[in-house]
PDB file of N, CA and C in Angstrom:
ATOM      1  N   MET A   1     -12.149 -61.844  29.798  1.00  0.00           N
ATOM      2  CA  MET A   1     -12.775 -60.634  30.303  1.00  0.00           C
ATOM      3  C   MET A   1     -11.703 -59.566  30.412  1.00  0.00           C
ATOM      4  N   LYS A   2     -12.019 -58.396  29.922  1.00  0.00           N
ATOM      5  CA  LYS A   2     -11.123 -57.249  30.056  1.00  0.00           C
ATOM      6  C   LYS A   2     -11.705 -56.286  31.088  1.00  0.00           C
ATOM      7  N   VAL A   3     -10.790 -55.693  31.856  1.00  0.00           N
ATOM      8  CA  VAL A   3     -11.171 -54.688  32.838  1.00  0.00           C
ATOM      9  C   VAL A   3     -10.298 -53.460  32.651  1.00  0.00           C
ATOM     10  N   LYS A   4     -10.780 -52.348  33.197  1.00  0.00           N
ATOM     11  CA  LYS A   4      -9.982 -51.124  33.161  1.00  0.00           C
ATOM     12  C   LYS A   4      -9.848 -50.580  34.572  1.00  0.00           C
ATOM     13  N   ASN A   5      -8.660 -50.097  34.871  1.00  0.00           N
ATOM     14  CA  ASN A   5      -8.345 -49.558  36.179  1.00  0.00           C
ATOM     15  C   ASN A   5      -9.151 -48.281  36.419  1.00  0.00           C
ATOM     16  N   ILE A   6      -9.632 -48.112  37.644  1.00  0.00           N
ATOM     17  CA  ILE A   6     -10.304 -46.874  38.033  1.00  0.00           C
ATOM     18  C   ILE A   6      -9.256 -46.031  38.748  1.00  0.00           C
ATOM     19  N   ASN A   7      -8.642 -45.124  38.051  1.00  0.00           N
ATOM     20  CA  ASN A   7      -7.583 -44.289  38.623  1.00  0.00           C
ATOM     21  C   ASN A   7      -8.156 -43.271  39.595  1.00  0.00           C
ATOM     22  N   GLY A   8      -7.357 -42.908  40.596  1.00  0.00           N
ATOM     23  CA  GLY A   8      -7.759 -41.881  41.546  1.00  0.00           C
ATOM     24  C   GLY A   8      -8.628 -42.383  42.673  1.00  0.00           C
ATOM     25  N   THR A   9      -8.534 -43.677  42.995  1.00  0.00           N
ATOM     26  CA  THR A   9      -9.385 -44.233  44.050  1.00  0.00           C
ATOM     27  C   THR A   9      -8.585 -44.619  45.293  1.00  0.00           C
ATOM     28  N   SER A  10      -7.345 -44.200  45.386  1.00  0.00           N
ATOM     29  CA  SER A  10      -6.502 -44.624  46.512  1.00  0.00           C
ATOM     30  C   SER A  10      -7.030 -44.163  47.864  1.00  0.00           C
ATOM     31  N   GLN A  11      -7.887 -43.159  47.897  1.00  0.00           N
ATOM     32  CA  GLN A  11      -8.445 -42.688  49.170  1.00  0.00           C
ATOM     33  C   GLN A  11      -9.536 -43.625  49.690  1.00  0.00           C
ATOM     34  N   ASN A  12     -10.083 -44.483  48.843  1.00  0.00           N
ATOM     35  CA  ASN A  12     -11.110 -45.432  49.286  1.00  0.00           C
ATOM     36  C   ASN A  12     -10.465 -46.488  50.168  1.00  0.00           C
ATOM     37  N   ILE A  13     -11.098 -46.769  51.305  1.00  0.00           N
ATOM     38  CA  ILE A  13     -10.545 -47.749  52.227  1.00  0.00           C
ATOM     39  C   ILE A  13     -11.544 -48.876  52.462  1.00  0.00           C
ATOM     40  N   CYS A  14     -11.038 -49.967  52.979  1.00  0.00           N
ATOM     41  CA  CYS A  14     -11.862 -51.145  53.230  1.00  0.00           C
ATOM     42  C   CYS A  14     -11.615 -51.629  54.652  1.00  0.00           C
ATOM     43  N   SER A  15     -12.642 -52.116  55.303  1.00  0.00           N
ATOM     44  CA  SER A  15     -12.507 -52.610  56.677  1.00  0.00           C
ATOM     45  C   SER A  15     -11.798 -53.964  56.746  1.00  0.00           C
ATOM     46  N   CYS A  16     -11.446 -54.539  55.609  1.00  0.00           N
ATOM     47  CA  CYS A  16     -10.722 -55.825  55.578  1.00  0.00           C
ATOM     48  C   CYS A  16      -9.220 -55.629  55.772  1.00  0.00           C
ATOM     49  N   ASN A  17      -8.786 -54.423  56.013  1.00  0.00           N
ATOM     50  CA  ASN A  17      -7.388 -54.018  56.173  1.00  0.00           C
ATOM     51  C   ASN A  17      -6.706 -53.692  54.848  1.00  0.00           C
ATOM     52  N   SER A  18      -7.150 -54.274  53.753  1.00  0.00           N
ATOM     53  CA  SER A  18      -6.626 -53.926  52.437  1.00  0.00           C
ATOM     54  C   SER A  18      -7.614 -54.428  51.391  1.00  0.00           C
ATOM     55  N   TRP A  19      -7.527 -53.847  50.190  1.00  0.00           N
ATOM     56  CA  TRP A  19      -8.393 -54.311  49.099  1.00  0.00           C
ATOM     57  C   TRP A  19      -7.995 -55.704  48.633  1.00  0.00           C
ATOM     58  N   LEU A  20      -6.714 -56.040  48.757  1.00  0.00           N
ATOM     59  CA  LEU A  20      -6.284 -57.395  48.409  1.00  0.00           C
ATOM     60  C   LEU A  20      -6.921 -58.405  49.360  1.00  0.00           C
ATOM     61  N   GLN A  21      -6.940 -58.079  50.653  1.00  0.00           N
ATOM     62  CA  GLN A  21      -7.583 -58.973  51.622  1.00  0.00           C
ATOM     63  C   GLN A  21      -9.080 -59.040  51.379  1.00  0.00           C
ATOM     64  N   HIS A  22      -9.693 -57.937  50.991  1.00  0.00           N
ATOM     65  CA  HIS A  22     -11.119 -57.920  50.637  1.00  0.00           C
ATOM     66  C   HIS A  22     -11.381 -58.918  49.508  1.00  0.00           C
ATOM     67  N   TRP A  23     -10.534 -58.894  48.475  1.00  0.00           N
ATOM     68  CA  TRP A  23     -10.679 -59.829  47.355  1.00  0.00           C
ATOM     69  C   TRP A  23     -10.542 -61.272  47.843  1.00  0.00           C
ATOM     70  N   ARG A  24      -9.551 -61.534  48.672  1.00  0.00           N
ATOM     71  CA  ARG A  24      -9.341 -62.893  49.193  1.00  0.00           C
ATOM     72  C   ARG A  24     -10.539 -63.336  50.035  1.00  0.00           C
ATOM     73  N   ASN A  25     -11.059 -62.461  50.879  1.00  0.00           N
ATOM     74  CA  ASN A  25     -12.181 -62.808  51.757  1.00  0.00           C
ATOM     75  C   ASN A  25     -13.423 -63.193  50.966  1.00  0.00           C
ATOM     76  N   PHE A  26     -13.749 -62.427  49.943  1.00  0.00           N
ATOM     77  CA  PHE A  26     -15.017 -62.621  49.261  1.00  0.00           C
ATOM     78  C   PHE A  26     -14.931 -63.455  47.981  1.00  0.00           C
ATOM     79  N   SER A  27     -13.751 -63.607  47.412  1.00  0.00           N
ATOM     80  CA  SER A  27     -13.616 -64.458  46.223  1.00  0.00           C
ATOM     81  C   SER A  27     -13.400 -65.915  46.623  1.00  0.00           C
ATOM     82  N   ARG A  28     -12.889 -66.097  47.837  1.00  0.00           N
ATOM     83  CA  ARG A  28     -12.495 -67.424  48.305  1.00  0.00           C
ATOM     84  C   ARG A  28     -11.443 -68.040  47.383  1.00  0.00           C
ATOM     85  N   GLN A  29     -10.645 -67.176  46.763  1.00  0.00           N
ATOM     86  CA  GLN A  29      -9.517 -67.605  45.946  1.00  0.00           C
ATOM     87  C   GLN A  29      -8.245 -67.074  46.595  1.00  0.00           C
ATOM     88  N   THR A  30      -7.132 -67.670  46.248  1.00  0.00           N
ATOM     89  CA  THR A  30      -5.838 -67.153  46.667  1.00  0.00           C
ATOM     90  C   THR A  30      -4.972 -67.002  45.425  1.00  0.00           C
ATOM     91  N   THR A  31      -4.045 -66.110  45.498  1.00  0.00           N
ATOM     92  CA  THR A  31      -3.087 -65.937  44.414  1.00  0.00           C
ATOM     93  C   THR A  31      -1.849 -65.277  44.974  1.00  0.00           C
ATOM     94  N   VAL A  32      -0.731 -65.583  44.380  1.00  0.00           N
ATOM     95  CA  VAL A  32       0.518 -64.910  44.737  1.00  0.00           C
ATOM     96  C   VAL A  32       1.032 -64.103  43.556  1.00  0.00           C
ATOM     97  N   ALA A  33       0.303 -64.168  42.438  1.00  0.00           N
ATOM     98  CA  ALA A  33       0.737 -63.478  41.225  1.00  0.00           C
ATOM     99  C   ALA A  33      -0.389 -62.612  40.663  1.00  0.00           C
ATOM    100  N   CYS A  34       0.009 -61.654  39.878  1.00  0.00           N
ATOM    101  CA  CYS A  34      -0.914 -60.751  39.197  1.00  0.00           C
ATOM    102  C   CYS A  34      -1.916 -61.552  38.367  1.00  0.00           C
ATOM    103  N   ARG A  35      -3.159 -61.105  38.325  1.00  0.00           N
ATOM    104  CA  ARG A  35      -4.206 -61.805  37.575  1.00  0.00           C
ATOM    105  C   ARG A  35      -4.366 -61.268  36.154  1.00  0.00           C
ATOM    106  N   ALA A  36      -3.434 -60.424  35.693  1.00  0.00           N
ATOM    107  CA  ALA A  36      -3.423 -59.995  34.298  1.00  0.00           C
ATOM    108  C   ALA A  36      -2.865 -61.147  33.465  1.00  0.00           C
ATOM    109  N   LEU A  37      -3.519 -61.457  32.374  1.00  0.00           N
ATOM    110  CA  LEU A  37      -3.110 -62.563  31.519  1.00  0.00           C
ATOM    111  C   LEU A  37      -1.653 -62.402  31.096  1.00  0.00           C
ATOM    112  N   GLY A  38      -0.853 -63.423  31.348  1.00  0.00           N
ATOM    113  CA  GLY A  38       0.552 -63.425  30.945  1.00  0.00           C
ATOM    114  C   GLY A  38       1.501 -62.769  31.919  1.00  0.00           C
ATOM    115  N   CYS A  39       0.996 -62.231  33.016  1.00  0.00           N
ATOM    116  CA  CYS A  39       1.852 -61.578  34.006  1.00  0.00           C
ATOM    117  C   CYS A  39       2.030 -62.503  35.205  1.00  0.00           C
ATOM    118  N   PHE A  40       3.253 -62.628  35.665  1.00  0.00           N
ATOM    119  CA  PHE A  40       3.542 -63.514  36.793  1.00  0.00           C
ATOM    120  C   PHE A  40       4.220 -62.772  37.943  1.00  0.00           C
ATOM    121  N   ARG A  41       4.146 -61.443  37.913  1.00  0.00           N
ATOM    122  CA  ARG A  41       4.764 -60.643  38.973  1.00  0.00           C
ATOM    123  C   ARG A  41       4.038 -60.888  40.290  1.00  0.00           C
ATOM    124  N   THR A  42       4.781 -60.806  41.386  1.00  0.00           N
ATOM    125  CA  THR A  42       4.219 -61.135  42.696  1.00  0.00           C
ATOM    126  C   THR A  42       4.024 -59.919  43.605  1.00  0.00           C
ATOM    127  N   ASP A  43       4.282 -58.727  43.104  1.00  0.00           N
ATOM    128  CA  ASP A  43       4.097 -57.509  43.912  1.00  0.00           C
ATOM    129  C   ASP A  43       2.643 -57.040  43.789  1.00  0.00           C
ATOM    130  N   ILE A  44       1.704 -57.885  44.269  1.00  0.00           N
ATOM    131  CA  ILE A  44       0.284 -57.642  44.017  1.00  0.00           C
ATOM    132  C   ILE A  44      -0.368 -56.763  45.075  1.00  0.00           C
ATOM    133  N   VAL A  45      -1.374 -56.024  44.607  1.00  0.00           N
ATOM    134  CA  VAL A  45      -2.225 -55.189  45.455  1.00  0.00           C
ATOM    135  C   VAL A  45      -3.654 -55.338  44.948  1.00  0.00           C
ATOM    136  N   GLY A  46      -4.623 -55.052  45.798  1.00  0.00           N
ATOM    137  CA  GLY A  46      -6.018 -55.058  45.360  1.00  0.00           C
ATOM    138  C   GLY A  46      -6.291 -53.811  44.533  1.00  0.00           C
ATOM    139  N   THR A  47      -6.759 -53.996  43.311  1.00  0.00           N
ATOM    140  CA  THR A  47      -6.960 -52.887  42.383  1.00  0.00           C
ATOM    141  C   THR A  47      -8.434 -52.716  42.069  1.00  0.00           C
ATOM    142  N   GLN A  48      -8.895 -51.481  42.104  1.00  0.00           N
ATOM    143  CA  GLN A  48     -10.292 -51.182  41.778  1.00  0.00           C
ATOM    144  C   GLN A  48     -10.420 -51.033  40.268  1.00  0.00           C
ATOM    145  N   VAL A  49     -11.333 -51.823  39.702  1.00  0.00           N
ATOM    146  CA  VAL A  49     -11.504 -51.872  38.246  1.00  0.00           C
ATOM    147  C   VAL A  49     -12.984 -51.854  37.887  1.00  0.00           C
ATOM    148  N   GLN A  50     -13.247 -51.637  36.611  1.00  0.00           N
ATOM    149  CA  GLN A  50     -14.570 -51.809  36.020  1.00  0.00           C
ATOM    150  C   GLN A  50     -14.412 -52.737  34.835  1.00  0.00           C
ATOM    151  N   LYS A  51     -15.465 -53.473  34.509  1.00  0.00           N
ATOM    152  CA  LYS A  51     -15.443 -54.277  33.296  1.00  0.00           C
ATOM    153  C   LYS A  51     -15.326 -53.339  32.104  1.00  0.00           C
ATOM    154  N   ASP A  52     -14.630 -53.773  31.078  1.00  0.00           N
ATOM    155  CA  ASP A  52     -14.429 -52.957  29.887  1.00  0.00           C
ATOM    156  C   ASP A  52     -15.611 -53.127  28.930  1.00  0.00           C
ATOM    157  N   ILE A  53     -16.807 -52.859  29.472  1.00  0.00           N
ATOM    158  CA  ILE A  53     -18.037 -52.896  28.688  1.00  0.00           C
ATOM    159  C   ILE A  53     -18.889 -51.714  29.114  1.00  0.00           C
ATOM    160  N   GLU A  54     -19.694 -51.207  28.218  1.00  0.00           N
ATOM    161  CA  GLU A  54     -20.451 -49.985  28.494  1.00  0.00           C
ATOM    162  C   GLU A  54     -21.598 -50.162  29.483  1.00  0.00           C
ATOM    163  N   TYR A  55     -22.189 -51.336  29.558  1.00  0.00           N
ATOM    164  CA  TYR A  55     -23.413 -51.490  30.335  1.00  0.00           C
ATOM    165  C   TYR A  55     -23.193 -51.909  31.792  1.00  0.00           C
ATOM    166  N   ASP A  56     -21.950 -51.991  32.255  1.00  0.00           N
ATOM    167  CA  ASP A  56     -21.678 -52.360  33.644  1.00  0.00           C
ATOM    168  C   ASP A  56     -20.802 -51.280  34.268  1.00  0.00           C
ATOM    169  N   ASN A  57     -21.382 -50.488  35.173  1.00  0.00           N
ATOM    170  CA  ASN A  57     -20.645 -49.410  35.836  1.00  0.00           C
ATOM    171  C   ASN A  57     -20.210 -49.775  37.253  1.00  0.00           C
ATOM    172  N   GLU A  58     -20.396 -51.051  37.628  1.00  0.00           N
ATOM    173  CA  GLU A  58     -20.008 -51.486  38.974  1.00  0.00           C
ATOM    174  C   GLU A  58     -18.492 -51.419  39.136  1.00  0.00           C
ATOM    175  N   TRP A  59     -18.054 -51.271  40.375  1.00  0.00           N
ATOM    176  CA  TRP A  59     -16.638 -51.279  40.713  1.00  0.00           C
ATOM    177  C   TRP A  59     -16.302 -52.619  41.362  1.00  0.00           C
ATOM    178  N   TYR A  60     -15.165 -53.170  40.977  1.00  0.00           N
ATOM    179  CA  TYR A  60     -14.728 -54.480  41.453  1.00  0.00           C
ATOM    180  C   TYR A  60     -13.270 -54.404  41.911  1.00  0.00           C
ATOM    181  N   ILE A  61     -12.858 -55.445  42.618  1.00  0.00           N
ATOM    182  CA  ILE A  61     -11.468 -55.596  43.048  1.00  0.00           C
ATOM    183  C   ILE A  61     -10.880 -56.825  42.375  1.00  0.00           C
ATOM    184  N   VAL A  62      -9.643 -56.692  41.877  1.00  0.00           N
ATOM    185  CA  VAL A  62      -8.853 -57.824  41.387  1.00  0.00           C
ATOM    186  C   VAL A  62      -7.409 -57.620  41.847  1.00  0.00           C
ATOM    187  N   PRO A  63      -6.651 -58.696  42.016  1.00  0.00           N
ATOM    188  CA  PRO A  63      -5.235 -58.575  42.371  1.00  0.00           C
ATOM    189  C   PRO A  63      -4.390 -58.289  41.123  1.00  0.00           C
ATOM    190  N   PHE A  64      -3.733 -57.158  41.121  1.00  0.00           N
ATOM    191  CA  PHE A  64      -2.818 -56.786  40.047  1.00  0.00           C
ATOM    192  C   PHE A  64      -1.459 -56.444  40.642  1.00  0.00           C
ATOM    193  N   CYS A  65      -0.419 -56.655  39.859  1.00  0.00           N
ATOM    194  CA  CYS A  65       0.905 -56.182  40.246  1.00  0.00           C
ATOM    195  C   CYS A  65       0.881 -54.654  40.188  1.00  0.00           C
ATOM    196  N   LYS A  66       1.907 -54.043  40.724  1.00  0.00           N
ATOM    197  CA  LYS A  66       1.924 -52.574  40.774  1.00  0.00           C
ATOM    198  C   LYS A  66       1.948 -51.965  39.377  1.00  0.00           C
ATOM    199  N   SER A  67       2.524 -52.662  38.413  1.00  0.00           N
ATOM    200  CA  SER A  67       2.537 -52.162  37.033  1.00  0.00           C
ATOM    201  C   SER A  67       1.129 -52.156  36.444  1.00  0.00           C
ATOM    202  N   HIS A  68       0.408 -53.277  36.563  1.00  0.00           N
ATOM    203  CA  HIS A  68      -0.966 -53.337  36.046  1.00  0.00           C
ATOM    204  C   HIS A  68      -1.923 -52.504  36.895  1.00  0.00           C
ATOM    205  N   HIS A  69      -1.599 -52.302  38.159  1.00  0.00           N
ATOM    206  CA  HIS A  69      -2.398 -51.444  39.038  1.00  0.00           C
ATOM    207  C   HIS A  69      -2.473 -50.019  38.479  1.00  0.00           C
ATOM    208  N   ASN A  70      -1.441 -49.617  37.770  1.00  0.00           N
ATOM    209  CA  ASN A  70      -1.377 -48.274  37.195  1.00  0.00           C
ATOM    210  C   ASN A  70      -1.662 -48.245  35.700  1.00  0.00           C
ATOM    211  N   ALA A  71      -2.135 -49.350  35.140  1.00  0.00           N
ATOM    212  CA  ALA A  71      -2.413 -49.414  33.700  1.00  0.00           C
ATOM    213  C   ALA A  71      -3.494 -48.408  33.324  1.00  0.00           C
ATOM    214  N   THR A  72      -3.366 -47.834  32.137  1.00  0.00           N
ATOM    215  CA  THR A  72      -4.351 -46.853  31.686  1.00  0.00           C
ATOM    216  C   THR A  72      -5.305 -47.417  30.644  1.00  0.00           C
ATOM    217  N   GLY A  73      -5.015 -48.585  30.100  1.00  0.00           N
ATOM    218  CA  GLY A  73      -5.891 -49.186  29.100  1.00  0.00           C
ATOM    219  C   GLY A  73      -6.482 -50.481  29.607  1.00  0.00           C
ATOM    220  N   PRO A  74      -7.307 -51.145  28.798  1.00  0.00           N
ATOM    221  CA  PRO A  74      -7.916 -52.417  29.191  1.00  0.00           C
ATOM    222  C   PRO A  74      -6.858 -53.500  29.444  1.00  0.00           C
ATOM    223  N   VAL A  75      -7.141 -54.352  30.434  1.00  0.00           N
ATOM    224  CA  VAL A  75      -6.256 -55.454  30.792  1.00  0.00           C
ATOM    225  C   VAL A  75      -7.073 -56.742  30.762  1.00  0.00           C
ATOM    226  N   GLU A  76      -6.564 -57.753  30.061  1.00  0.00           N
ATOM    227  CA  GLU A  76      -7.216 -59.065  29.996  1.00  0.00           C
ATOM    228  C   GLU A  76      -6.891 -59.840  31.273  1.00  0.00           C
ATOM    229  N   LEU A  77      -7.924 -60.434  31.889  1.00  0.00           N
ATOM    230  CA  LEU A  77      -7.734 -61.217  33.111  1.00  0.00           C
ATOM    231  C   LEU A  77      -7.482 -62.681  32.803  1.00  0.00           C
ATOM    232  N   VAL A  78      -6.785 -63.347  33.710  1.00  0.00           N
ATOM    233  CA  VAL A  78      -6.616 -64.794  33.654  1.00  0.00           C
ATOM    234  C   VAL A  78      -7.997 -65.428  33.785  1.00  0.00           C
ATOM    235  N   ALA A  79      -8.284 -66.427  32.961  1.00  0.00           N
ATOM    236  CA  ALA A  79      -9.577 -67.119  33.012  1.00  0.00           C
ATOM    237  C   ALA A  79      -9.833 -67.640  34.425  1.00  0.00           C
ATOM    238  N   GLY A  80     -11.066 -67.484  34.906  1.00  0.00           N
ATOM    239  CA  GLY A  80     -11.452 -67.966  36.221  1.00  0.00           C
ATOM    240  C   GLY A  80     -11.246 -66.972  37.344  1.00  0.00           C
ATOM    241  N   THR A  81     -10.672 -65.804  37.026  1.00  0.00           N
ATOM    242  CA  THR A  81     -10.475 -64.784  38.053  1.00  0.00           C
ATOM    243  C   THR A  81     -11.825 -64.236  38.486  1.00  0.00           C
ATOM    244  N   LYS A  82     -12.063 -64.221  39.780  1.00  0.00           N
ATOM    245  CA  LYS A  82     -13.325 -63.688  40.295  1.00  0.00           C
ATOM    246  C   LYS A  82     -13.194 -62.195  40.536  1.00  0.00           C
ATOM    247  N   LEU A  83     -14.212 -61.476  40.102  1.00  0.00           N
ATOM    248  CA  LEU A  83     -14.314 -60.055  40.395  1.00  0.00           C
ATOM    249  C   LEU A  83     -15.153 -59.922  41.657  1.00  0.00           C
ATOM    250  N   VAL A  84     -14.669 -59.158  42.617  1.00  0.00           N
ATOM    251  CA  VAL A  84     -15.382 -58.970  43.877  1.00  0.00           C
ATOM    252  C   VAL A  84     -15.839 -57.520  43.953  1.00  0.00           C
ATOM    253  N   SER A  85     -17.097 -57.323  44.289  1.00  0.00           N
ATOM    254  CA  SER A  85     -17.651 -55.986  44.389  1.00  0.00           C
ATOM    255  C   SER A  85     -16.915 -55.151  45.433  1.00  0.00           C
ATOM    256  N   VAL A  86     -16.695 -53.876  45.124  1.00  0.00           N
ATOM    257  CA  VAL A  86     -16.112 -52.939  46.074  1.00  0.00           C
ATOM    258  C   VAL A  86     -17.078 -52.692  47.219  1.00  0.00           C
ATOM    259  N   ASN A  87     -18.377 -52.827  46.952  1.00  0.00           N
ATOM    260  CA  ASN A  87     -19.406 -52.625  47.966  1.00  0.00           C
ATOM    261  C   ASN A  87     -19.212 -53.659  49.065  1.00  0.00           C
ATOM    262  N   LYS A  88     -18.760 -53.221  50.224  1.00  0.00           N
ATOM    263  CA  LYS A  88     -18.415 -54.142  51.307  1.00  0.00           C
ATOM    264  C   LYS A  88     -19.600 -54.925  51.855  1.00  0.00           C
ATOM    265  N   LYS A  89     -20.813 -54.445  51.635  1.00  0.00           N
ATOM    266  CA  LYS A  89     -21.994 -55.153  52.117  1.00  0.00           C
ATOM    267  C   LYS A  89     -22.438 -56.233  51.142  1.00  0.00           C
ATOM    268  N   MET A  90     -21.969 -56.153  49.914  1.00  0.00           N
ATOM    269  CA  MET A  90     -22.369 -57.110  48.894  1.00  0.00           C
ATOM    270  C   MET A  90     -21.385 -58.262  48.883  1.00  0.00           C
ATOM    271  N   LYS A  91     -21.819 -59.428  49.279  1.00  0.00           N
ATOM    272  CA  LYS A  91     -20.925 -60.560  49.388  1.00  0.00           C
ATOM    273  C   LYS A  91     -20.992 -61.486  48.175  1.00  0.00           C
ATOM    274  N   ASN A  92     -21.880 -61.225  47.252  1.00  0.00           N
ATOM    275  CA  ASN A  92     -21.954 -62.066  46.060  1.00  0.00           C
ATOM    276  C   ASN A  92     -20.801 -61.763  45.147  1.00  0.00           C
ATOM    277  N   GLU A  93     -20.127 -62.808  44.670  1.00  0.00           N
ATOM    278  CA  GLU A  93     -18.992 -62.604  43.806  1.00  0.00           C
ATOM    279  C   GLU A  93     -19.412 -62.730  42.343  1.00  0.00           C
ATOM    280  N   LYS A  94     -18.669 -62.110  41.505  1.00  0.00           N
ATOM    281  CA  LYS A  94     -18.893 -62.176  40.069  1.00  0.00           C
ATOM    282  C   LYS A  94     -17.713 -62.942  39.479  1.00  0.00           C
ATOM    283  N   ILE A  95     -18.000 -63.905  38.626  1.00  0.00           N
ATOM    284  CA  ILE A  95     -16.947 -64.700  38.012  1.00  0.00           C
ATOM    285  C   ILE A  95     -16.781 -64.265  36.563  1.00  0.00           C
ATOM    286  N   THR A  96     -15.533 -64.045  36.168  1.00  0.00           N
ATOM    287  CA  THR A  96     -15.304 -63.669  34.782  1.00  0.00           C
ATOM    288  C   THR A  96     -15.576 -64.871  33.909  1.00  0.00           C
ATOM    289  N   SER A  97     -16.101 -64.622  32.736  1.00  0.00           N
ATOM    290  CA  SER A  97     -16.341 -65.714  31.797  1.00  0.00           C
ATOM    291  C   SER A  97     -15.415 -65.573  30.617  1.00  0.00           C
ATOM    292  N   GLN A  98     -14.907 -66.677  30.170  1.00  0.00           N
ATOM    293  CA  GLN A  98     -13.967 -66.689  29.050  1.00  0.00           C
ATOM    294  C   GLN A  98     -14.503 -67.581  27.972  1.00  0.00           C
TER     295      GLN A  98
END
């Protein structure tokens, strides 16, 4: 699954204290490394992304390193990475398929 960063969303806040914590709370996954395929950096933050497909305009959170957090093109995710909706009331998680 490829996703693209939604730039200009740093003003959006979450009641989970951080977007990374939001991802951990609702994905029920843990990670210490970036979820971009082939990246093992540990300076991760919760990043707001969209799937790199035309028919899905939802916003999701994934853990990316600061470099991938600022990526301008599509980024391939590690298989099994769960996408968590930015909508704080929506607790259903979306699982990437590979």
